[in-house]
């Protein structure tokens, strides 16, 4: 049975919006799907030392897309 809940990441911890119908100490598998921009979804796939704003600029600006150029 899959359970889908929303949560907020704060100080290294996911804080769920609602309680889960689970037993204490029950083991689960977690899949994270960020609800924000494309750069957040790809976080950790490619080493990046810049800021999120710089990455969003590179991803979202059509002028930076080599496939869109002349």
Protein backbone atom coordinates (compact mmCIF):
# COMPACT_ATOMS: atom_id res chain seq x y z
CA UNK A 1 0.00 0.00 0.00
CA UNK A 2 1.47 3.35 -1.05
CA UNK A 3 0.86 6.40 1.12
CA UNK A 4 1.39 9.88 -0.28
CA UNK A 5 1.85 12.82 2.10
CA UNK A 6 3.30 16.29 1.83
CA UNK A 7 6.16 17.41 4.03
CA UNK A 8 8.54 20.31 4.58
CA UNK A 9 12.31 19.87 4.78
CA UNK A 10 13.60 21.88 7.72
CA UNK A 11 16.98 21.70 9.49
CA UNK A 12 17.80 18.31 7.97
CA UNK A 13 14.47 16.72 8.88
CA UNK A 14 11.29 16.07 6.87
CA UNK A 15 8.29 17.36 8.83
CA UNK A 16 5.10 15.67 7.64
CA UNK A 17 1.93 17.72 7.24
CA UNK A 18 -0.21 14.83 8.56
CA UNK A 19 0.46 11.80 10.77
CA UNK A 20 1.07 8.46 9.06
CA UNK A 21 -1.02 5.33 9.65
CA UNK A 22 2.01 3.22 10.57
CA UNK A 23 3.02 1.10 13.53
CA UNK A 24 5.85 2.29 15.76
CA UNK A 25 9.25 1.08 14.50
CA UNK A 26 7.70 -0.01 11.16
CA UNK A 27 10.26 0.14 8.34
CA UNK A 28 9.31 2.02 5.17
CA UNK A 29 10.84 2.98 1.83
CA UNK A 30 10.77 6.72 1.06
CA UNK A 31 10.72 8.35 -2.37
CA UNK A 32 11.23 12.12 -2.52
CA UNK A 33 9.60 14.24 -5.23
CA UNK A 34 10.33 17.96 -4.71
CA UNK A 35 7.45 20.28 -5.51
CA UNK A 36 9.70 23.11 -6.76
CA UNK A 37 11.88 24.01 -9.79
CA UNK A 38 13.77 21.73 -12.17
CA UNK A 39 17.13 22.40 -10.52
CA UNK A 40 15.80 21.06 -7.22
CA UNK A 41 14.55 17.86 -8.90
CA UNK A 42 18.04 17.14 -10.26
CA UNK A 43 19.86 17.97 -7.04
CA UNK A 44 22.75 15.59 -6.44
CA UNK A 45 22.74 14.05 -9.92
CA UNK A 46 25.60 16.26 -11.13
CA UNK A 47 28.16 17.87 -8.81
CA UNK A 48 27.35 21.61 -8.59
CA UNK A 49 29.10 24.13 -6.36
CA UNK A 50 27.17 27.20 -7.51
CA UNK A 51 23.95 28.59 -6.11
CA UNK A 52 20.47 27.35 -6.93
CA UNK A 53 19.75 30.72 -8.54
CA UNK A 54 22.73 30.32 -10.91
CA UNK A 55 21.62 26.81 -11.81
CA UNK A 56 18.05 27.95 -12.45
CA UNK A 57 19.42 30.68 -14.74
CA UNK A 58 21.42 28.15 -16.72
CA UNK A 59 18.53 25.71 -16.97
CA UNK A 60 15.60 28.05 -17.55
CA UNK A 61 17.09 30.70 -19.86
CA UNK A 62 16.59 29.63 -23.50
CA UNK A 63 19.65 31.65 -24.53
CA UNK A 64 21.82 29.21 -22.55
CA UNK A 65 20.45 26.14 -24.35
CA UNK A 66 22.96 24.98 -27.00
CA UNK A 67 20.16 23.21 -28.86
CA UNK A 68 18.20 26.45 -29.24
CA UNK A 69 21.04 28.46 -30.78
CA UNK A 70 21.77 29.16 -34.47
